[in-house]
Amino acid sequence: MTDPSFYSQRLPGAVFDREGRKEKARKILAVLSDYFRGALHSLNVLDLGCAGGIMTHVLAPHFKGIVGTDVDLHALEYARSAESGPAEFFPADAMSLPFKKDAFDVVICAHVYEHVPDSVRLMGEIHRVLKQGGVCFFSAGNRVRLVEPHYRLPFLSILPPPLADTYLRLAGKGTHYEERHLTYWG
């Protein structure tokens, strides 16, 4: 497993991109507001893989409660200190969430699946913590995307792992390609 501070240290521009994350939060809010016909204030939300908590803080005033989780302790420290508000933050592995069954009305899983070793297990945990009739807002990248979104390198995600690692090293962007993007077919 990767060092818990891996993402905030390797990709700080993505983890702490305030304007980009706020824009994503506004889009998530628009989708959920449309789905629930504006009745959000009674809902409890889990923001899975919240990183620096920027989106969590933007979403918090609109819900009854919101919890952000991540394995990146450095990012969670930022989340706790960056803004005040009703959001709570906990270190948690998405593969084994520390919450009871049926704990949340909504789970937000925005670009997390490619960072976990077993996306099927991740989906099982999301299903477990969602209440009956709950909703998962899920967004994800695609393996066959021309430019890989984390490193902005063409064709990176379609390469076999050893070649992807070499490509990262040659581009001066890292040593090991950790992401596991999927396609519609798996």
N, C-alpha and C. Protein backbone atom coordinates (compact mmCIF):
# COMPACT_ATOMS: atom_id res chain seq x y z
N MET A 1 0.85 -1.19 0.00
CA MET A 1 0.00 0.00 0.00
C MET A 1 0.89 1.24 0.00
N THR A 2 0.37 2.26 -0.55
CA THR A 2 1.07 3.52 -0.69
C THR A 2 1.08 4.28 0.63
N ASP A 3 2.12 5.10 0.82
CA ASP A 3 2.20 5.99 1.98
C ASP A 3 0.92 6.83 2.04
N PRO A 4 0.30 6.94 3.23
CA PRO A 4 -0.96 7.68 3.35
C PRO A 4 -0.91 9.14 2.87
N SER A 5 0.25 9.75 2.83
CA SER A 5 0.35 11.14 2.35
C SER A 5 0.74 11.19 0.87
N PHE A 6 0.70 10.05 0.25
CA PHE A 6 1.17 9.91 -1.13
C PHE A 6 0.54 10.92 -2.08
N TYR A 7 -0.75 11.02 -2.13
CA TYR A 7 -1.41 11.84 -3.14
C TYR A 7 -1.20 13.33 -2.92
N SER A 8 -1.29 13.79 -1.68
CA SER A 8 -1.11 15.22 -1.45
C SER A 8 0.33 15.64 -1.70
N GLN A 9 1.27 14.73 -1.54
CA GLN A 9 2.67 15.06 -1.80
C GLN A 9 3.02 14.90 -3.28
N ARG A 10 2.43 13.90 -3.93
CA ARG A 10 2.74 13.63 -5.33
C ARG A 10 1.97 14.56 -6.26
N LEU A 11 0.71 14.82 -5.94
CA LEU A 11 -0.16 15.62 -6.82
C LEU A 11 -0.81 16.78 -6.07
N PRO A 12 0.00 17.66 -5.46
CA PRO A 12 -0.60 18.74 -4.66
C PRO A 12 -1.49 19.66 -5.48
N GLY A 13 -1.18 19.85 -6.74
CA GLY A 13 -2.00 20.71 -7.58
C GLY A 13 -3.42 20.19 -7.71
N ALA A 14 -3.58 18.88 -7.75
CA ALA A 14 -4.91 18.28 -7.86
C ALA A 14 -5.61 18.25 -6.51
N VAL A 15 -4.89 17.87 -5.47
CA VAL A 15 -5.48 17.71 -4.14
C VAL A 15 -5.91 19.05 -3.54
N PHE A 16 -5.12 20.08 -3.76
CA PHE A 16 -5.39 21.38 -3.13
C PHE A 16 -5.84 22.46 -4.12
N ASP A 17 -6.35 22.06 -5.27
CA ASP A 17 -6.84 22.99 -6.29
C ASP A 17 -8.20 23.54 -5.85
N ARG A 18 -8.17 24.66 -5.15
CA ARG A 18 -9.39 25.21 -4.54
C ARG A 18 -10.47 25.52 -5.59
N GLU A 19 -10.13 26.22 -6.63
CA GLU A 19 -11.15 26.61 -7.61
C GLU A 19 -11.68 25.41 -8.37
N GLY A 20 -10.80 24.51 -8.77
CA GLY A 20 -11.24 23.31 -9.48
C GLY A 20 -12.14 22.44 -8.63
N ARG A 21 -11.77 22.26 -7.37
CA ARG A 21 -12.57 21.44 -6.45
C ARG A 21 -13.91 22.11 -6.13
N LYS A 22 -13.90 23.43 -5.98
CA LYS A 22 -15.16 24.13 -5.71
C LYS A 22 -16.11 23.99 -6.90
N GLU A 23 -15.58 24.07 -8.11
CA GLU A 23 -16.42 23.90 -9.30
C GLU A 23 -17.00 22.49 -9.36
N LYS A 24 -16.20 21.48 -9.04
CA LYS A 24 -16.71 20.10 -9.00
C LYS A 24 -17.80 19.96 -7.95
N ALA A 25 -17.60 20.58 -6.81
CA ALA A 25 -18.60 20.52 -5.74
C ALA A 25 -19.91 21.15 -6.19
N ARG A 26 -19.83 22.26 -6.91
CA ARG A 26 -21.06 22.91 -7.40
C ARG A 26 -21.79 21.99 -8.39
N LYS A 27 -21.04 21.27 -9.21
CA LYS A 27 -21.67 20.33 -10.15
C LYS A 27 -22.33 19.17 -9.41
N ILE A 28 -21.64 18.64 -8.42
CA ILE A 28 -22.21 17.55 -7.61
C ILE A 28 -23.48 18.03 -6.93
N LEU A 29 -23.42 19.22 -6.36
CA LEU A 29 -24.59 19.80 -5.69
C LEU A 29 -25.76 19.96 -6.66
N ALA A 30 -25.48 20.40 -7.86
CA ALA A 30 -26.54 20.57 -8.86
C ALA A 30 -27.19 19.23 -9.21
N VAL A 31 -26.38 18.19 -9.39
CA VAL A 31 -26.92 16.87 -9.72
C VAL A 31 -27.77 16.33 -8.57
N LEU A 32 -27.23 16.41 -7.34
CA LEU A 32 -27.96 15.88 -6.19
C LEU A 32 -29.23 16.70 -5.91
N SER A 33 -29.15 18.01 -6.07
CA SER A 33 -30.31 18.86 -5.85
C SER A 33 -31.41 18.53 -6.86
N ASP A 34 -31.01 18.29 -8.09
CA ASP A 34 -31.98 17.91 -9.12
C ASP A 34 -32.61 16.55 -8.79
N TYR A 35 -31.78 15.59 -8.40
CA TYR A 35 -32.28 14.25 -8.10
C TYR A 35 -33.24 14.26 -6.91
N PHE A 36 -32.86 14.96 -5.87
CA PHE A 36 -33.68 15.01 -4.65
C PHE A 36 -34.70 16.15 -4.66
N ARG A 37 -34.82 16.83 -5.79
CA ARG A 37 -35.76 17.95 -5.96
C ARG A 37 -35.54 19.02 -4.89
N GLY A 38 -34.27 19.29 -4.60
CA GLY A 38 -33.91 20.35 -3.67
C GLY A 38 -33.97 20.00 -2.20
N ALA A 39 -34.50 18.85 -1.86
CA ALA A 39 -34.66 18.46 -0.45
C ALA A 39 -33.39 17.80 0.08
N LEU A 40 -32.36 18.60 0.30
CA LEU A 40 -31.06 18.06 0.72
C LEU A 40 -30.81 18.17 2.22
N HIS A 41 -31.47 19.09 2.90
CA HIS A 41 -31.15 19.40 4.30
C HIS A 41 -31.40 18.27 5.28
N SER A 42 -32.09 17.24 4.88
CA SER A 42 -32.34 16.12 5.79
C SER A 42 -31.39 14.95 5.54
N LEU A 43 -30.44 15.11 4.62
CA LEU A 43 -29.59 14.00 4.19
C LEU A 43 -28.22 14.01 4.88
N ASN A 44 -27.75 12.81 5.23
CA ASN A 44 -26.39 12.61 5.74
C ASN A 44 -25.53 12.07 4.61
N VAL A 45 -24.35 12.67 4.45
CA VAL A 45 -23.50 12.41 3.29
C VAL A 45 -22.12 11.94 3.72
N LEU A 46 -21.57 10.99 2.96
CA LEU A 46 -20.18 10.56 3.09
C LEU A 46 -19.45 10.99 1.83
N ASP A 47 -18.40 11.79 1.99
CA ASP A 47 -17.53 12.18 0.89
C ASP A 47 -16.31 11.28 0.96
N LEU A 48 -16.32 10.24 0.17
CA LEU A 48 -15.29 9.21 0.19
C LEU A 48 -14.08 9.67 -0.61
N GLY A 49 -12.91 9.66 0.01
CA GLY A 49 -11.71 10.15 -0.67
C GLY A 49 -11.76 11.65 -0.83
N CYS A 50 -12.04 12.34 0.26
CA CYS A 50 -12.28 13.79 0.22
C CYS A 50 -11.02 14.62 0.01
N ALA A 51 -9.86 14.00 0.09
CA ALA A 51 -8.58 14.72 -0.08
C ALA A 51 -8.50 15.88 0.91
N GLY A 52 -8.28 17.09 0.41
CA GLY A 52 -8.14 18.26 1.27
C GLY A 52 -9.44 18.84 1.78
N GLY A 53 -10.56 18.19 1.50
CA GLY A 53 -11.85 18.61 2.04
C GLY A 53 -12.48 19.83 1.41
N ILE A 54 -11.92 20.31 0.33
CA ILE A 54 -12.44 21.53 -0.29
C ILE A 54 -13.88 21.32 -0.75
N MET A 55 -14.14 20.22 -1.45
CA MET A 55 -15.51 19.94 -1.91
C MET A 55 -16.43 19.70 -0.73
N THR A 56 -15.94 19.00 0.28
CA THR A 56 -16.75 18.69 1.46
C THR A 56 -17.23 19.98 2.13
N HIS A 57 -16.34 20.96 2.26
CA HIS A 57 -16.71 22.24 2.88
C HIS A 57 -17.74 23.00 2.05
N VAL A 58 -17.62 22.94 0.73
CA VAL A 58 -18.59 23.62 -0.13
C VAL A 58 -19.97 22.96 0.00
N LEU A 59 -19.99 21.63 0.09
CA LEU A 59 -21.25 20.88 0.17
C LEU A 59 -21.91 20.96 1.54
N ALA A 60 -21.12 21.09 2.59
CA ALA A 60 -21.61 20.97 3.98
C ALA A 60 -22.85 21.80 4.32
N PRO A 61 -22.93 23.07 3.96
CA PRO A 61 -24.10 23.85 4.37
C PRO A 61 -25.43 23.37 3.78
N HIS A 62 -25.37 22.52 2.79
CA HIS A 62 -26.57 22.10 2.08
C HIS A 62 -27.17 20.80 2.61
N PHE A 63 -26.48 20.14 3.53
CA PHE A 63 -26.91 18.84 4.03
C PHE A 63 -27.05 18.84 5.54
N LYS A 64 -27.75 17.85 6.06
CA LYS A 64 -27.88 17.69 7.52
C LYS A 64 -26.52 17.45 8.15
N GLY A 65 -25.74 16.58 7.53
CA GLY A 65 -24.40 16.29 8.01
C GLY A 65 -23.56 15.74 6.88
N ILE A 66 -22.25 15.97 6.95
CA ILE A 66 -21.35 15.44 5.94
C ILE A 66 -20.05 15.02 6.61
N VAL A 67 -19.56 13.87 6.22
CA VAL A 67 -18.32 13.31 6.73
C VAL A 67 -17.38 13.10 5.55
N GLY A 68 -16.17 13.62 5.65
CA GLY A 68 -15.15 13.39 4.64
C GLY A 68 -14.13 12.39 5.16
N THR A 69 -13.77 11.43 4.32
CA THR A 69 -12.75 10.45 4.70
C THR A 69 -11.67 10.37 3.63
N ASP A 70 -10.48 10.02 4.07
CA ASP A 70 -9.37 9.81 3.15
C ASP A 70 -8.28 9.06 3.89
N VAL A 71 -7.37 8.43 3.14
CA VAL A 71 -6.22 7.77 3.76
C VAL A 71 -5.04 8.73 3.88
N ASP A 72 -5.11 9.84 3.19
CA ASP A 72 -4.02 10.81 3.16
C ASP A 72 -4.12 11.73 4.38
N LEU A 73 -3.31 11.45 5.39
CA LEU A 73 -3.36 12.19 6.65
C LEU A 73 -2.99 13.66 6.48
N HIS A 74 -2.04 13.94 5.60
CA HIS A 74 -1.65 15.32 5.33
C HIS A 74 -2.82 16.10 4.73
N ALA A 75 -3.52 15.50 3.79
CA ALA A 75 -4.68 16.15 3.18
C ALA A 75 -5.80 16.36 4.20
N LEU A 76 -6.01 15.38 5.08
CA LEU A 76 -7.05 15.52 6.11
C LEU A 76 -6.71 16.63 7.10
N GLU A 77 -5.43 16.77 7.41
CA GLU A 77 -5.00 17.87 8.29
C GLU A 77 -5.37 19.22 7.65
N TYR A 78 -5.13 19.32 6.36
CA TYR A 78 -5.50 20.52 5.62
C TYR A 78 -7.02 20.72 5.67
N ALA A 79 -7.77 19.65 5.47
CA ALA A 79 -9.24 19.72 5.47
C ALA A 79 -9.76 20.24 6.81
N ARG A 80 -9.18 19.77 7.88
CA ARG A 80 -9.63 20.18 9.22
C ARG A 80 -9.30 21.63 9.53
N SER A 81 -8.21 22.13 8.97
CA SER A 81 -7.77 23.48 9.32
C SER A 81 -8.15 24.54 8.29
N ALA A 82 -8.52 24.12 7.10
CA ALA A 82 -8.73 25.07 6.00
C ALA A 82 -9.93 25.98 6.21
N GLU A 83 -11.03 25.44 6.65
CA GLU A 83 -12.25 26.23 6.80
C GLU A 83 -13.01 25.72 8.00
N SER A 84 -13.87 26.55 8.51
CA SER A 84 -14.72 26.09 9.60
C SER A 84 -16.07 25.67 9.02
N GLY A 85 -16.84 24.99 9.79
CA GLY A 85 -18.15 24.57 9.31
C GLY A 85 -18.55 23.23 9.87
N PRO A 86 -19.68 22.74 9.42
CA PRO A 86 -20.25 21.52 9.99
C PRO A 86 -19.64 20.21 9.50
N ALA A 87 -18.70 20.26 8.60
CA ALA A 87 -18.11 19.02 8.08
C ALA A 87 -17.20 18.37 9.12
N GLU A 88 -17.20 17.03 9.11
CA GLU A 88 -16.30 16.25 9.96
C GLU A 88 -15.36 15.47 9.05
N PHE A 89 -14.14 15.23 9.54
CA PHE A 89 -13.14 14.51 8.73
C PHE A 89 -12.51 13.40 9.54
N PHE A 90 -12.39 12.23 8.92
CA PHE A 90 -11.80 11.06 9.57
C PHE A 90 -10.88 10.33 8.62
N PRO A 91 -9.77 9.81 9.14
CA PRO A 91 -8.97 8.92 8.31
C PRO A 91 -9.70 7.59 8.15
N ALA A 92 -9.81 7.13 6.92
CA ALA A 92 -10.48 5.85 6.68
C ALA A 92 -10.08 5.31 5.32
N ASP A 93 -9.92 4.01 5.28
CA ASP A 93 -9.63 3.29 4.04
C ASP A 93 -10.96 2.94 3.38
N ALA A 94 -11.13 3.33 2.14
CA ALA A 94 -12.38 3.07 1.43
C ALA A 94 -12.68 1.58 1.28
N MET A 95 -11.67 0.76 1.47
CA MET A 95 -11.83 -0.69 1.35
C MET A 95 -12.40 -1.30 2.62
N SER A 96 -12.41 -0.55 3.71
CA SER A 96 -12.91 -1.04 4.99
C SER A 96 -13.38 0.15 5.82
N LEU A 97 -14.53 0.66 5.49
CA LEU A 97 -15.04 1.88 6.13
C LEU A 97 -15.48 1.63 7.57
N PRO A 98 -15.18 2.57 8.48
CA PRO A 98 -15.50 2.40 9.90
C PRO A 98 -16.92 2.83 10.27
N PHE A 99 -17.85 2.69 9.35
CA PHE A 99 -19.22 3.12 9.60
C PHE A 99 -20.16 1.93 9.61
N LYS A 100 -21.26 2.09 10.34
CA LYS A 100 -22.27 1.04 10.40
C LYS A 100 -22.98 0.90 9.06
N LYS A 101 -23.60 -0.22 8.88
CA LYS A 101 -24.43 -0.47 7.71
C LYS A 101 -25.56 0.56 7.68
N ASP A 102 -25.93 0.99 6.49
CA ASP A 102 -27.05 1.94 6.31
C ASP A 102 -26.84 3.26 7.04
N ALA A 103 -25.63 3.79 7.02
CA ALA A 103 -25.32 5.01 7.77
C ALA A 103 -25.57 6.30 7.00
N PHE A 104 -25.57 6.25 5.66
CA PHE A 104 -25.62 7.48 4.87
C PHE A 104 -26.72 7.44 3.81
N ASP A 105 -27.29 8.61 3.56
CA ASP A 105 -28.27 8.77 2.49
C ASP A 105 -27.59 8.91 1.13
N VAL A 106 -26.41 9.53 1.16
CA VAL A 106 -25.65 9.79 -0.07
C VAL A 106 -24.19 9.47 0.18
N VAL A 107 -23.56 8.81 -0.79
CA VAL A 107 -22.11 8.63 -0.79
C VAL A 107 -21.58 9.30 -2.05
N ILE A 108 -20.60 10.17 -1.87
CA ILE A 108 -19.94 10.80 -3.00
C ILE A 108 -18.61 10.09 -3.20
N CYS A 109 -18.44 9.54 -4.38
CA CYS A 109 -17.20 8.83 -4.73
C CYS A 109 -16.69 9.44 -6.03
N ALA A 110 -15.98 10.54 -5.92
CA ALA A 110 -15.54 11.31 -7.08
C ALA A 110 -14.06 11.02 -7.36
N HIS A 111 -13.83 10.27 -8.38
CA HIS A 111 -12.48 9.94 -8.84
C HIS A 111 -11.65 9.27 -7.75
N VAL A 112 -12.23 8.25 -7.18
CA VAL A 112 -11.56 7.48 -6.12
C VAL A 112 -11.22 6.07 -6.57
N TYR A 113 -12.10 5.45 -7.37
CA TYR A 113 -11.95 4.03 -7.67
C TYR A 113 -10.59 3.68 -8.27
N GLU A 114 -10.01 4.57 -9.05
CA GLU A 114 -8.73 4.26 -9.69
C GLU A 114 -7.56 4.26 -8.71
N HIS A 115 -7.81 4.71 -7.48
CA HIS A 115 -6.75 4.77 -6.47
C HIS A 115 -6.79 3.62 -5.47
N VAL A 116 -7.76 2.73 -5.58
CA VAL A 116 -7.86 1.61 -4.65
C VAL A 116 -7.47 0.31 -5.35
N PRO A 117 -6.94 -0.65 -4.60
CA PRO A 117 -6.49 -1.90 -5.22
C PRO A 117 -7.62 -2.81 -5.69
N ASP A 118 -8.83 -2.63 -5.17
CA ASP A 118 -9.93 -3.54 -5.51
C ASP A 118 -11.23 -2.73 -5.63
N SER A 119 -11.56 -2.32 -6.85
CA SER A 119 -12.74 -1.47 -7.04
C SER A 119 -14.04 -2.21 -6.73
N VAL A 120 -14.06 -3.52 -6.87
CA VAL A 120 -15.26 -4.29 -6.52
C VAL A 120 -15.51 -4.22 -5.01
N ARG A 121 -14.44 -4.34 -4.24
CA ARG A 121 -14.56 -4.22 -2.78
C ARG A 121 -15.01 -2.81 -2.39
N LEU A 122 -14.48 -1.81 -3.06
CA LEU A 122 -14.91 -0.42 -2.83
C LEU A 122 -16.41 -0.29 -3.04
N MET A 123 -16.92 -0.84 -4.13
CA MET A 123 -18.35 -0.76 -4.41
C MET A 123 -19.16 -1.49 -3.34
N GLY A 124 -18.64 -2.59 -2.84
CA GLY A 124 -19.31 -3.31 -1.76
C GLY A 124 -19.42 -2.48 -0.50
N GLU A 125 -18.36 -1.74 -0.18
CA GLU A 125 -18.37 -0.87 1.00
C GLU A 125 -19.35 0.30 0.82
N ILE A 126 -19.38 0.85 -0.38
CA ILE A 126 -20.33 1.93 -0.65
C ILE A 126 -21.76 1.41 -0.46
N HIS A 127 -22.04 0.25 -1.01
CA HIS A 127 -23.37 -0.35 -0.88
C HIS A 127 -23.72 -0.61 0.58
N ARG A 128 -22.74 -1.08 1.34
CA ARG A 128 -22.96 -1.41 2.75
C ARG A 128 -23.35 -0.18 3.57
N VAL A 129 -22.66 0.93 3.37
CA VAL A 129 -22.91 2.11 4.21
C VAL A 129 -24.07 2.98 3.71
N LEU A 130 -24.54 2.73 2.50
CA LEU A 130 -25.69 3.47 1.98
C LEU A 130 -26.99 2.91 2.56
N LYS A 131 -27.88 3.82 2.94
CA LYS A 131 -29.20 3.41 3.40
C LYS A 131 -29.98 2.82 2.22
N GLN A 132 -30.97 2.01 2.53
CA GLN A 132 -31.87 1.49 1.50
C GLN A 132 -32.46 2.68 0.74
N GLY A 133 -32.34 2.67 -0.57
CA GLY A 133 -32.82 3.78 -1.38
C GLY A 133 -31.85 4.94 -1.46
N GLY A 134 -30.66 4.79 -0.85
CA GLY A 134 -29.66 5.85 -0.89
C GLY A 134 -29.06 5.99 -2.28
N VAL A 135 -28.28 7.04 -2.46
CA VAL A 135 -27.72 7.36 -3.76
C VAL A 135 -26.21 7.51 -3.67
N CYS A 136 -25.52 6.94 -4.64
CA CYS A 136 -24.08 7.15 -4.76
C CYS A 136 -23.84 8.06 -5.96
N PHE A 137 -23.23 9.21 -5.69
CA PHE A 137 -22.77 10.06 -6.79
C PHE A 137 -21.38 9.54 -7.14
N PHE A 138 -21.25 8.97 -8.31
CA PHE A 138 -19.99 8.33 -8.72
C PHE A 138 -19.49 8.99 -9.98
N SER A 139 -18.26 9.47 -9.94
CA SER A 139 -17.63 10.00 -11.15
C SER A 139 -16.25 9.36 -11.27
N ALA A 140 -15.85 9.13 -12.52
CA ALA A 140 -14.61 8.39 -12.72
C ALA A 140 -14.00 8.70 -14.08
N GLY A 141 -12.70 8.52 -14.14
CA GLY A 141 -12.00 8.63 -15.40
C GLY A 141 -12.12 7.32 -16.17
N ASN A 142 -11.68 7.35 -17.40
CA ASN A 142 -11.75 6.18 -18.26
C ASN A 142 -10.36 5.82 -18.73
N ARG A 143 -10.05 4.55 -18.75
CA ARG A 143 -8.72 4.08 -19.12
C ARG A 143 -8.34 4.49 -20.54
N VAL A 144 -9.28 4.56 -21.44
CA VAL A 144 -8.95 4.87 -22.83
C VAL A 144 -9.00 6.37 -23.15
N ARG A 145 -9.02 7.19 -22.14
CA ARG A 145 -8.95 8.64 -22.34
C ARG A 145 -7.59 8.97 -22.95
N LEU A 146 -7.57 9.83 -23.92
CA LEU A 146 -6.33 10.14 -24.63
C LEU A 146 -5.23 10.64 -23.70
N VAL A 147 -5.56 11.59 -22.84
CA VAL A 147 -4.58 12.15 -21.91
C VAL A 147 -4.96 11.74 -20.49
N GLU A 148 -4.05 11.09 -19.79
CA GLU A 148 -4.29 10.64 -18.42
C GLU A 148 -4.43 11.87 -17.52
N PRO A 149 -5.51 11.97 -16.72
CA PRO A 149 -5.80 13.21 -16.01
C PRO A 149 -4.88 13.57 -14.84
N HIS A 150 -4.25 12.62 -14.20
CA HIS A 150 -3.40 12.93 -13.05
C HIS A 150 -2.04 13.50 -13.47
N TYR A 151 -1.48 12.94 -14.52
CA TYR A 151 -0.14 13.35 -14.96
C TYR A 151 -0.15 14.16 -16.24
N ARG A 152 -1.30 14.22 -16.89
CA ARG A 152 -1.45 14.92 -18.16
C ARG A 152 -0.47 14.42 -19.21
N LEU A 153 -0.34 13.11 -19.28
CA LEU A 153 0.52 12.47 -20.28
C LEU A 153 -0.34 11.65 -21.23
N PRO A 154 -0.14 11.80 -22.54
CA PRO A 154 -0.92 11.02 -23.50
C PRO A 154 -0.65 9.52 -23.38
N PHE A 155 -1.70 8.75 -23.48
CA PHE A 155 -1.66 7.28 -23.55
C PHE A 155 -1.16 6.57 -22.29
N LEU A 156 -0.87 7.29 -21.23
CA LEU A 156 -0.29 6.67 -20.03
C LEU A 156 -1.15 5.55 -19.47
N SER A 157 -2.44 5.77 -19.35
CA SER A 157 -3.30 4.79 -18.69
C SER A 157 -3.53 3.51 -19.49
N ILE A 158 -3.22 3.51 -20.77
CA ILE A 158 -3.42 2.29 -21.56
C ILE A 158 -2.16 1.42 -21.64
N LEU A 159 -1.06 1.92 -21.13
CA LEU A 159 0.19 1.17 -21.18
C LEU A 159 0.23 0.07 -20.12
N PRO A 160 0.93 -1.03 -20.41
CA PRO A 160 1.17 -2.04 -19.36
C PRO A 160 1.96 -1.39 -18.22
N PRO A 161 1.74 -1.83 -16.97
CA PRO A 161 2.39 -1.18 -15.81
C PRO A 161 3.89 -0.92 -15.94
N PRO A 162 4.71 -1.87 -16.39
CA PRO A 162 6.15 -1.56 -16.48
C PRO A 162 6.45 -0.41 -17.45
N LEU A 163 5.73 -0.37 -18.57
CA LEU A 163 5.94 0.72 -19.52
C LEU A 163 5.42 2.05 -18.98
N ALA A 164 4.30 2.00 -18.27
CA ALA A 164 3.76 3.22 -17.66
C ALA A 164 4.75 3.79 -16.64
N ASP A 165 5.37 2.92 -15.85
CA ASP A 165 6.38 3.37 -14.88
C ASP A 165 7.56 4.03 -15.59
N THR A 166 8.02 3.41 -16.66
CA THR A 166 9.14 3.95 -17.44
C THR A 166 8.76 5.30 -18.05
N TYR A 167 7.58 5.39 -18.60
CA TYR A 167 7.08 6.63 -19.20
C TYR A 167 7.07 7.75 -18.15
N LEU A 168 6.58 7.46 -16.94
CA LEU A 168 6.57 8.47 -15.87
C LEU A 168 7.98 8.94 -15.55
N ARG A 169 8.90 7.98 -15.43
CA ARG A 169 10.29 8.35 -15.12
C ARG A 169 10.88 9.22 -16.22
N LEU A 170 10.69 8.82 -17.48
CA LEU A 170 11.25 9.58 -18.60
C LEU A 170 10.63 10.99 -18.69
N ALA A 171 9.38 11.11 -18.32
CA ALA A 171 8.71 12.41 -18.35
C ALA A 171 9.03 13.25 -17.11
N GLY A 172 9.75 12.65 -16.14
CA GLY A 172 10.09 13.37 -14.92
C GLY A 172 8.91 13.64 -14.01
N LYS A 173 7.91 12.74 -14.06
CA LYS A 173 6.69 12.96 -13.28
C LYS A 173 6.47 11.92 -12.20
N GLY A 174 7.43 11.09 -11.93
CA GLY A 174 7.27 10.08 -10.90
C GLY A 174 8.01 8.81 -11.25
N THR A 175 7.82 7.80 -10.41
CA THR A 175 8.52 6.53 -10.64
C THR A 175 7.58 5.35 -10.79
N HIS A 176 6.36 5.47 -10.28
CA HIS A 176 5.45 4.32 -10.31
C HIS A 176 4.03 4.80 -10.59
N TYR A 177 3.40 4.23 -11.59
CA TYR A 177 2.03 4.59 -11.95
C TYR A 177 1.07 3.74 -11.14
N GLU A 178 0.41 4.38 -10.15
CA GLU A 178 -0.45 3.68 -9.19
C GLU A 178 -1.90 3.55 -9.65
N GLU A 179 -2.38 4.44 -10.47
CA GLU A 179 -3.80 4.49 -10.82
C GLU A 179 -4.22 3.24 -11.60
N ARG A 180 -5.49 2.85 -11.40
CA ARG A 180 -6.04 1.66 -12.05
C ARG A 180 -7.33 2.03 -12.77
N HIS A 181 -7.23 2.81 -13.80
CA HIS A 181 -8.42 3.19 -14.57
C HIS A 181 -9.00 1.98 -15.27
N LEU A 182 -10.33 1.97 -15.39
CA LEU A 182 -11.03 0.90 -16.09
C LEU A 182 -11.71 1.46 -17.33
N THR A 183 -12.30 0.56 -18.11
CA THR A 183 -13.14 0.96 -19.22
C THR A 183 -14.53 0.42 -18.96
N TYR A 184 -15.44 0.69 -19.85
CA TYR A 184 -16.79 0.17 -19.74
C TYR A 184 -16.76 -1.36 -19.67
N TRP A 185 -15.80 -1.97 -20.34
CA TRP A 185 -15.70 -3.43 -20.41
C TRP A 185 -14.82 -4.02 -19.32
N GLY A 186 -14.26 -3.21 -18.47
CA GLY A 186 -13.45 -3.73 -17.36
C GLY A 186 -12.02 -3.35 -17.40
